C-alpha atoms as a PDB file:
ATOM      1  CA  UNK A   1     180.353  82.344  68.565  1.00  0.00           C
ATOM      2  CA  UNK A   2     178.461  79.381  67.105  1.00  0.00           C
ATOM      3  CA  UNK A   3     175.465  80.260  64.989  1.00  0.00           C
ATOM      4  CA  UNK A   4     172.208  79.811  66.849  1.00  0.00           C
ATOM      5  CA  UNK A   5     169.943  77.094  65.489  1.00  0.00           C
ATOM      6  CA  UNK A   6     166.452  78.149  64.496  1.00  0.00           C
ATOM      7  CA  UNK A   7     163.094  76.760  65.525  1.00  0.00           C
ATOM      8  CA  UNK A   8     160.251  77.406  63.085  1.00  0.00           C
ATOM      9  CA  UNK A   9     156.704  77.154  64.424  1.00  0.00           C
ATOM     10  CA  UNK A  10     153.924  77.109  61.852  1.00  0.00           C
ATOM     11  CA  UNK A  11     150.652  78.401  63.281  1.00  0.00           C
ATOM     12  CA  UNK A  12     148.207  77.865  60.464  1.00  0.00           C
ATOM     13  CA  UNK A  13     144.604  78.937  60.227  1.00  0.00           C
ATOM     14  CA  UNK A  14     142.363  76.363  58.478  1.00  0.00           C
ATOM     15  CA  UNK A  15     142.959  76.596  54.740  1.00  0.00           C
ATOM     16  CA  UNK A  16     145.557  75.790  52.107  1.00  0.00           C
ATOM     17  CA  UNK A  17     148.278  75.979  54.770  1.00  0.00           C
ATOM     18  CA  UNK A  18     146.948  72.793  56.381  1.00  0.00           C
ATOM     19  CA  UNK A  19     149.174  70.810  54.028  1.00  0.00           C
ATOM     20  CA  UNK A  20     152.325  71.931  55.865  1.00  0.00           C
ATOM     21  CA  UNK A  21     151.732  69.709  58.895  1.00  0.00           C
ATOM     22  CA  UNK A  22     151.210  66.560  56.817  1.00  0.00           C
ATOM     23  CA  UNK A  23     154.033  67.364  54.401  1.00  0.00           C
ATOM     24  CA  UNK A  24     156.556  67.869  57.198  1.00  0.00           C
ATOM     25  CA  UNK A  25     155.717  64.465  58.669  1.00  0.00           C
ATOM     26  CA  UNK A  26     155.634  62.773  55.256  1.00  0.00           C
ATOM     27  CA  UNK A  27     159.054  64.111  54.259  1.00  0.00           C
ATOM     28  CA  UNK A  28     160.677  63.904  57.687  1.00  0.00           C
ATOM     29  CA  UNK A  29     163.696  61.811  56.657  1.00  0.00           C
ATOM     30  CA  UNK A  30     164.382  63.846  53.509  1.00  0.00           C
ATOM     31  CA  UNK A  31     164.159  67.116  55.423  1.00  0.00           C
ATOM     32  CA  UNK A  32     166.778  65.988  57.938  1.00  0.00           C
ATOM     33  CA  UNK A  33     169.129  65.500  54.994  1.00  0.00           C
ATOM     34  CA  UNK A  34     168.424  69.143  54.112  1.00  0.00           C
ATOM     35  CA  UNK A  35     169.242  70.321  57.629  1.00  0.00           C
ATOM     36  CA  UNK A  36     165.695  70.647  58.946  1.00  0.00           C
ATOM     37  CA  UNK A  37     164.181  68.322  61.545  1.00  0.00           C
ATOM     38  CA  UNK A  38     160.417  68.103  61.912  1.00  0.00           C
ATOM     39  CA  UNK A  39     159.599  67.621  65.578  1.00  0.00           C
ATOM     40  CA  UNK A  40     156.647  65.401  64.677  1.00  0.00           C
ATOM     41  CA  UNK A  41     157.091  62.350  62.489  1.00  0.00           C
ATOM     42  CA  UNK A  42     153.336  61.834  62.106  1.00  0.00           C
ATOM     43  CA  UNK A  43     150.237  64.016  62.305  1.00  0.00           C
ATOM     44  CA  UNK A  44     149.197  62.057  65.404  1.00  0.00           C
ATOM     45  CA  UNK A  45     152.364  63.249  67.145  1.00  0.00           C
ATOM     46  CA  UNK A  46     151.855  66.882  66.187  1.00  0.00           C
ATOM     47  CA  UNK A  47     148.196  66.712  67.200  1.00  0.00           C
ATOM     48  CA  UNK A  48     149.034  65.214  70.584  1.00  0.00           C
ATOM     49  CA  UNK A  49     151.694  67.859  71.249  1.00  0.00           C
ATOM     50  CA  UNK A  50     149.356  70.715  70.317  1.00  0.00           C
ATOM     51  CA  UNK A  51     146.576  69.303  72.486  1.00  0.00           C
ATOM     52  CA  UNK A  52     149.006  69.122  75.403  1.00  0.00           C
ATOM     53  CA  UNK A  53     150.219  72.689  74.912  1.00  0.00           C
ATOM     54  CA  UNK A  54     146.723  74.143  74.531  1.00  0.00           C
ATOM     55  CA  UNK A  55     145.367  71.968  77.373  1.00  0.00           C
ATOM     56  CA  UNK A  56     142.389  70.842  75.328  1.00  0.00           C
ATOM     57  CA  UNK A  57     142.645  67.061  75.877  1.00  0.00           C
ATOM     58  CA  UNK A  58     139.154  66.877  77.397  1.00  0.00           C
ATOM     59  CA  UNK A  59     137.681  68.563  74.335  1.00  0.00           C
ATOM     60  CA  UNK A  60     139.029  65.686  72.243  1.00  0.00           C
ATOM     61  CA  UNK A  61     137.934  62.917  74.593  1.00  0.00           C
ATOM     62  CA  UNK A  62     141.495  62.245  75.758  1.00  0.00           C
ATOM     63  CA  UNK A  63     143.032  61.881  79.183  1.00  0.00           C
ATOM     64  CA  UNK A  64     145.841  64.141  80.319  1.00  0.00           C
ATOM     65  CA  UNK A  65     148.101  61.086  80.504  1.00  0.00           C
ATOM     66  CA  UNK A  66     147.543  60.533  76.760  1.00  0.00           C
ATOM     67  CA  UNK A  67     149.366  63.767  75.919  1.00  0.00           C
ATOM     68  CA  UNK A  68     151.432  64.711  78.962  1.00  0.00           C
ATOM     69  CA  UNK A  69     155.105  65.267  78.162  1.00  0.00           C
ATOM     70  CA  UNK A  70     154.591  64.908  74.403  1.00  0.00           C
ATOM     71  CA  UNK A  71     156.027  68.302  73.460  1.00  0.00           C
ATOM     72  CA  UNK A  72     159.177  67.845  75.527  1.00  0.00           C
ATOM     73  CA  UNK A  73     159.740  64.366  74.081  1.00  0.00           C
ATOM     74  CA  UNK A  74     159.449  65.625  70.513  1.00  0.00           C
ATOM     75  CA  UNK A  75     161.844  68.504  71.127  1.00  0.00           C
ATOM     76  CA  UNK A  76     164.384  66.273  72.885  1.00  0.00           C
ATOM     77  CA  UNK A  77     164.323  63.746  70.041  1.00  0.00           C
ATOM     78  CA  UNK A  78     164.632  66.360  67.301  1.00  0.00           C
ATOM     79  CA  UNK A  79     167.513  68.159  69.043  1.00  0.00           C
ATOM     80  CA  UNK A  80     169.677  65.066  68.507  1.00  0.00           C
ATOM     81  CA  UNK A  81     169.696  65.802  64.788  1.00  0.00           C
ATOM     82  CA  UNK A  82     171.492  69.115  65.404  1.00  0.00           C
ATOM     83  CA  UNK A  83     169.328  70.597  62.644  1.00  0.00           C
ATOM     84  CA  UNK A  84     167.029  73.588  62.634  1.00  0.00           C
ATOM     85  CA  UNK A  85     163.688  72.517  64.067  1.00  0.00           C
ATOM     86  CA  UNK A  86     160.229  72.911  62.568  1.00  0.00           C
ATOM     87  CA  UNK A  87     156.710  72.195  63.815  1.00  0.00           C
ATOM     88  CA  UNK A  88     153.246  72.751  62.364  1.00  0.00           C
ATOM     89  CA  UNK A  89     149.811  72.462  63.948  1.00  0.00           C
ATOM     90  CA  UNK A  90     146.767  74.671  63.420  1.00  0.00           C
ATOM     91  CA  UNK A  91     145.495  74.169  66.981  1.00  0.00           C
ATOM     92  CA  UNK A  92     148.326  76.412  68.160  1.00  0.00           C
ATOM     93  CA  UNK A  93     146.466  79.397  66.706  1.00  0.00           C
ATOM     94  CA  UNK A  94     144.263  79.266  69.809  1.00  0.00           C
ATOM     95  CA  UNK A  95     147.192  79.198  72.265  1.00  0.00           C
ATOM     96  CA  UNK A  96     147.231  81.960  74.869  1.00  0.00           C
ATOM     97  CA  UNK A  97     150.321  83.867  76.100  1.00  0.00           C
ATOM     98  CA  UNK A  98     151.042  81.448  78.968  1.00  0.00           C
ATOM     99  CA  UNK A  99     150.727  78.424  76.699  1.00  0.00           C
ATOM    100  CA  UNK A 100     152.987  80.016  74.082  1.00  0.00           C
ATOM    101  CA  UNK A 101     155.569  80.761  76.791  1.00  0.00           C
ATOM    102  CA  UNK A 102     155.591  77.127  77.959  1.00  0.00           C
ATOM    103  CA  UNK A 103     155.996  75.870  74.415  1.00  0.00           C
ATOM    104  CA  UNK A 104     158.879  78.235  73.702  1.00  0.00           C
ATOM    105  CA  UNK A 105     160.632  77.396  76.996  1.00  0.00           C
ATOM    106  CA  UNK A 106     161.343  73.892  75.692  1.00  0.00           C
ATOM    107  CA  UNK A 107     163.104  75.473  72.707  1.00  0.00           C
ATOM    108  CA  UNK A 108     165.620  77.400  74.806  1.00  0.00           C
ATOM    109  CA  UNK A 109     168.797  78.111  72.889  1.00  0.00           C
ATOM    110  CA  UNK A 110     167.011  78.335  69.542  1.00  0.00           C
ATOM    111  CA  UNK A 111     166.120  81.456  67.603  1.00  0.00           C
ATOM    112  CA  UNK A 112     162.329  81.333  67.389  1.00  0.00           C
ATOM    113  CA  UNK A 113     160.544  82.101  64.124  1.00  0.00           C
ATOM    114  CA  UNK A 114     156.778  81.890  63.700  1.00  0.00           C
ATOM    115  CA  UNK A 115     155.086  81.408  60.338  1.00  0.00           C
ATOM    116  CA  UNK A 116     151.403  82.245  60.170  1.00  0.00           C
ATOM    117  CA  UNK A 117     149.361  81.097  57.182  1.00  0.00           C
ATOM    118  CA  UNK A 118     145.879  82.467  56.821  1.00  0.00           C
ATOM    119  CA  UNK A 119     143.229  82.831  54.197  1.00  0.00           C
ATOM    120  CA  UNK A 120     140.586  84.080  56.597  1.00  0.00           C
ATOM    121  CA  UNK A 121     141.771  87.676  57.063  1.00  0.00           C
ATOM    122  CA  UNK A 122     142.246  87.218  60.806  1.00  0.00           C
ATOM    123  CA  UNK A 123     145.964  86.660  61.279  1.00  0.00           C
ATOM    124  CA  UNK A 124     145.942  89.150  64.172  1.00  0.00           C
ATOM    125  CA  UNK A 125     144.109  86.576  66.313  1.00  0.00           C
ATOM    126  CA  UNK A 126     147.177  84.344  66.453  1.00  0.00           C
ATOM    127  CA  UNK A 127     149.820  87.016  65.868  1.00  0.00           C
ATOM    128  CA  UNK A 128     149.007  88.775  69.141  1.00  0.00           C
ATOM    129  CA  UNK A 129     150.105  85.782  71.216  1.00  0.00           C
ATOM    130  CA  UNK A 130     153.017  84.686  69.054  1.00  0.00           C
ATOM    131  CA  UNK A 131     154.684  88.044  68.426  1.00  0.00           C
ATOM    132  CA  UNK A 132     156.221  88.021  71.913  1.00  0.00           C
ATOM    133  CA  UNK A 133     157.691  84.538  71.345  1.00  0.00           C
ATOM    134  CA  UNK A 134     159.603  85.816  68.311  1.00  0.00           C
ATOM    135  CA  UNK A 135     161.307  88.586  70.322  1.00  0.00           C
ATOM    136  CA  UNK A 136     161.936  90.515  67.099  1.00  0.00           C
ATOM    137  CA  UNK A 137     159.151  91.548  64.680  1.00  0.00           C
ATOM    138  CA  UNK A 138     161.082  90.352  61.614  1.00  0.00           C
ATOM    139  CA  UNK A 139     160.870  86.796  62.941  1.00  0.00           C
ATOM    140  CA  UNK A 140     157.084  86.718  62.607  1.00  0.00           C
ATOM    141  CA  UNK A 141     156.253  85.741  59.022  1.00  0.00           C
ATOM    142  CA  UNK A 142     152.836  85.754  57.349  1.00  0.00           C
ATOM    143  CA  UNK A 143     151.934  83.811  54.215  1.00  0.00           C
ATOM    144  CA  UNK A 144     148.586  85.003  52.859  1.00  0.00           C
ATOM    145  CA  UNK A 145     146.981  81.913  51.352  1.00  0.00           C
ATOM    146  CA  UNK A 146     144.005  83.496  49.565  1.00  0.00           C
ATOM    147  CA  UNK A 147     144.106  82.272  45.974  1.00  0.00           C
ATOM    148  CA  UNK A 148     147.008  79.884  46.578  1.00  0.00           C
ATOM    149  CA  UNK A 149     147.012  76.133  46.052  1.00  0.00           C
ATOM    150  CA  UNK A 150     148.459  73.893  48.808  1.00  0.00           C
ATOM    151  CA  UNK A 151     151.565  73.262  46.695  1.00  0.00           C
ATOM    152  CA  UNK A 152     152.223  76.989  46.433  1.00  0.00           C
ATOM    153  CA  UNK A 153     151.892  77.408  50.189  1.00  0.00           C
ATOM    154  CA  UNK A 154     154.253  74.476  50.767  1.00  0.00           C
ATOM    155  CA  UNK A 155     156.807  76.060  48.411  1.00  0.00           C
ATOM    156  CA  UNK A 156     156.508  79.441  50.114  1.00  0.00           C
ATOM    157  CA  UNK A 157     156.901  77.836  53.532  1.00  0.00           C
ATOM    158  CA  UNK A 158     160.009  75.944  52.427  1.00  0.00           C
ATOM    159  CA  UNK A 159     161.501  79.119  50.996  1.00  0.00           C
ATOM    160  CA  UNK A 160     161.096  80.847  54.359  1.00  0.00           C
ATOM    161  CA  UNK A 161     162.562  77.995  56.397  1.00  0.00           C
ATOM    162  CA  UNK A 162     165.368  77.442  53.922  1.00  0.00           C
ATOM    163  CA  UNK A 163     164.672  74.242  52.027  1.00  0.00           C
ATOM    164  CA  UNK A 164     163.593  73.614  48.452  1.00  0.00           C
ATOM    165  CA  UNK A 165     160.430  71.643  47.772  1.00  0.00           C
ATOM    166  CA  UNK A 166     161.063  70.514  44.179  1.00  0.00           C
ATOM    167  CA  UNK A 167     161.942  66.993  45.358  1.00  0.00           C
ATOM    168  CA  UNK A 168     159.471  67.056  48.254  1.00  0.00           C
ATOM    169  CA  UNK A 169     156.319  66.455  46.279  1.00  0.00           C
ATOM    170  CA  UNK A 170     152.852  66.452  47.791  1.00  0.00           C
ATOM    171  CA  UNK A 171     151.791  63.262  46.041  1.00  0.00           C
ATOM    172  CA  UNK A 172     150.356  60.984  48.685  1.00  0.00           C
ATOM    173  CA  UNK A 173     150.284  63.710  51.351  1.00  0.00           C
ATOM    174  CA  UNK A 174     146.751  63.912  52.841  1.00  0.00           C
ATOM    175  CA  UNK A 175     145.182  67.330  52.553  1.00  0.00           C
ATOM    176  CA  UNK A 176     141.802  69.006  52.424  1.00  0.00           C
ATOM    177  CA  UNK A 177     139.957  69.258  49.146  1.00  0.00           C
ATOM    178  CA  UNK A 178     140.796  72.417  47.204  1.00  0.00           C
ATOM    179  CA  UNK A 179     137.065  72.960  46.568  1.00  0.00           C
ATOM    180  CA  UNK A 180     136.271  73.068  50.270  1.00  0.00           C
ATOM    181  CA  UNK A 181     139.112  75.451  51.036  1.00  0.00           C
ATOM    182  CA  UNK A 182     137.119  78.392  49.692  1.00  0.00           C
ATOM    183  CA  UNK A 183     134.278  77.849  52.163  1.00  0.00           C
ATOM    184  CA  UNK A 184     135.045  78.880  55.759  1.00  0.00           C
ATOM    185  CA  UNK A 185     132.233  76.792  57.218  1.00  0.00           C
ATOM    186  CA  UNK A 186     133.305  73.714  55.268  1.00  0.00           C
ATOM    187  CA  UNK A 187     136.898  74.289  56.290  1.00  0.00           C
ATOM    188  CA  UNK A 188     135.966  74.255  59.943  1.00  0.00           C
ATOM    189  CA  UNK A 189     134.184  70.945  59.442  1.00  0.00           C
ATOM    190  CA  UNK A 190     137.157  69.458  57.596  1.00  0.00           C
ATOM    191  CA  UNK A 191     139.429  70.620  60.418  1.00  0.00           C
ATOM    192  CA  UNK A 192     137.158  69.084  63.038  1.00  0.00           C
ATOM    193  CA  UNK A 193     137.027  65.733  61.249  1.00  0.00           C
ATOM    194  CA  UNK A 194     140.776  65.677  60.676  1.00  0.00           C
ATOM    195  CA  UNK A 195     141.484  66.306  64.351  1.00  0.00           C
ATOM    196  CA  UNK A 196     138.944  63.684  65.380  1.00  0.00           C
ATOM    197  CA  UNK A 197     140.724  61.138  63.196  1.00  0.00           C
ATOM    198  CA  UNK A 198     144.029  62.099  64.792  1.00  0.00           C
ATOM    199  CA  UNK A 199     142.445  61.699  68.219  1.00  0.00           C
ATOM    200  CA  UNK A 200     141.318  58.192  67.331  1.00  0.00           C
ATOM    201  CA  UNK A 201     144.807  57.388  66.080  1.00  0.00           C
ATOM    202  CA  UNK A 202     146.222  58.425  69.450  1.00  0.00           C
ATOM    203  CA  UNK A 203     143.803  56.088  71.208  1.00  0.00           C
ATOM    204  CA  UNK A 204     144.713  53.207  68.917  1.00  0.00           C
ATOM    205  CA  UNK A 205     148.398  53.763  69.646  1.00  0.00           C
ATOM    206  CA  UNK A 206     147.686  53.628  73.380  1.00  0.00           C
ATOM    207  CA  UNK A 207     145.675  50.421  73.031  1.00  0.00           C
ATOM    208  CA  UNK A 208     148.489  48.853  71.027  1.00  0.00           C
ATOM    209  CA  UNK A 209     151.011  49.884  73.678  1.00  0.00           C
ATOM    210  CA  UNK A 210     148.900  48.253  76.383  1.00  0.00           C
ATOM    211  CA  UNK A 211     148.487  45.107  74.278  1.00  0.00           C
ATOM    212  CA  UNK A 212     152.238  44.765  73.833  1.00  0.00           C
ATOM    213  CA  UNK A 213     152.806  45.368  77.549  1.00  0.00           C
ATOM    214  CA  UNK A 214     150.304  42.658  78.465  1.00  0.00           C
ATOM    215  CA  UNK A 215     151.886  40.261  75.982  1.00  0.00           C
ATOM    216  CA  UNK A 216     155.306  40.803  77.562  1.00  0.00           C
ATOM    217  CA  UNK A 217     153.864  40.029  81.002  1.00  0.00           C
ATOM    218  CA  UNK A 218     152.210  36.857  79.775  1.00  0.00           C
ATOM    219  CA  UNK A 219     155.427  35.721  78.097  1.00  0.00           C
ATOM    220  CA  UNK A 220     157.465  36.345  81.239  1.00  0.00           C
ATOM    221  CA  UNK A 221     154.955  34.411  83.350  1.00  0.00           C
ATOM    222  CA  UNK A 222     154.970  31.420  80.997  1.00  0.00           C
END
């Protein structure tokens, strides 16, 4: 029997683990060479997929059409690589059982692993919903980030998934300031601003799509 491919879902609380989402997108091409395909190739894609799955588009000033079908598209694209899949987005920590079930349904045929990073001593908040998705308790992994730098979390995450990070440096990968990561209130504000920026990026992409569509119509009418 062929070995079942794995799907790794990183459900990170705000903190040093935030770097995983950006690093996966930044090193997408290199990771495929290592046998791991990040579903999202940009933080805007991962944000849009998480917003769709958690049904929070209105909270971010988006329309349902802006995010509808995003998760399925990302999974379908990544499957073509025939690699193990990986996805990271902190908004998934708020996903309820029904939302988790819908997300996992699109990953049928994969062995689901969930990695929870937390420095806020409340991993049970997310673990309760995600434990069922793993089917087996040993597939739920927790990386305690208290006292760890982002690079250490990234290394620990790679070790779990099965790739080395020595050549996947964090230089140029956007991440929260290490000083702010020790302050829960500041972390929440950093998270809010980061997601707002991602929301704006989604809107800009939509405007650009409409511009190109209009340009094609004008060219065809000329």
